[in-house]
Every structure is written in C-alpha cells, then in structure tokens.
Protein backbone atom coordinates (compact mmCIF):
# COMPACT_ATOMS: atom_id res chain seq x y z
CA MET A 1 -0.85 -3.45 20.84
CA ASN A 2 -0.20 -2.68 24.80
CA GLY A 3 2.31 -0.61 25.79
CA ALA A 4 5.27 -2.92 25.67
CA GLN A 5 4.72 -4.39 22.06
CA VAL A 6 4.70 -0.50 21.14
CA SER A 7 7.80 0.20 22.53
CA ALA A 8 9.52 -2.86 21.43
CA PHE A 9 7.96 -1.93 17.77
CA GLN A 10 9.36 1.65 17.95
CA ALA A 11 12.97 -0.18 19.59
CA ASN A 12 13.32 -2.27 16.67
CA SER A 13 12.15 -0.45 13.63
CA GLY A 14 12.64 3.28 14.52
CA ILE A 15 8.79 4.58 13.62
CA ALA A 16 5.81 4.63 15.71
CA PRO A 17 3.44 2.15 14.68
CA SER A 18 0.73 4.85 13.02
CA ALA A 19 3.54 5.46 10.82
CA MET A 20 4.19 2.12 9.45
CA ALA A 21 0.10 1.73 9.25
CA THR A 22 0.34 5.13 7.27
CA VAL A 23 2.93 3.51 5.13
CA LEU A 24 1.27 0.59 4.59
CA VAL A 25 -2.18 2.27 3.73
CA GLY A 26 -0.30 4.06 0.92
CA VAL A 27 1.45 1.51 -0.70
CA VAL A 28 -2.01 -0.53 -0.75
CA PHE A 29 -3.73 2.17 -2.56
CA ALA A 30 -0.74 2.89 -4.86
CA VAL A 31 -0.81 -1.03 -6.17
CA LEU A 32 -4.61 -0.46 -6.17
CA LEU A 33 -3.98 2.77 -8.79
CA VAL A 34 -1.27 0.75 -11.07
CA TRP A 35 -3.62 -2.29 -10.73
CA GLY A 36 -6.59 0.00 -12.28
CA VAL A 37 -4.19 1.40 -14.82
CA TRP A 38 -3.21 -1.24 -15.99
CA ALA A 39 -7.06 -2.77 -16.31
CA ILE A 40 -8.00 0.10 -18.09
CA ARG A 41 -5.19 0.12 -20.59
CA THR A 42 -5.91 -4.04 -21.35
CA ALA A 43 -9.21 -3.34 -21.80
CA TYR A 44 -8.68 -0.02 -24.06
CA VAL A 45 -5.91 -2.28 -26.22
CA GLY A 46 -8.20 -5.08 -26.72
CA TRP A 47 -11.07 -2.78 -27.56
CA ALA A 48 -8.78 -0.59 -30.37
CA GLU A 49 -8.08 -3.77 -31.95
CA SER A 50 -10.91 -5.46 -32.65
C-alpha cells in the first residue's frame, strides 16, 4: 500500500496494517488447529465404534 492508503487504513481502523496482518494469520492458524482437532476426533470416534 502507498502512504495515503496506510494513513487512511490507520485513521479508520485505529490499528496498523501489520498488526491486522498478524491478527489474520493468527485467526487462520487457530481455525486450522480447530479443524485438525475435529478431524482427529472424528477419525478416533469412527475407529472406536468399529
């Protein structure tokens, strides 16, 4: 982003773009972790029932 875009983003959101990127990466990893736990639990329940 150019300087005007960064300035507008910070003025409207109140946080820096780099902080937003860090939060988004954290959310992606959290979702992947939850999905992985769900997949392992589903596989275990299916295996335990058979």
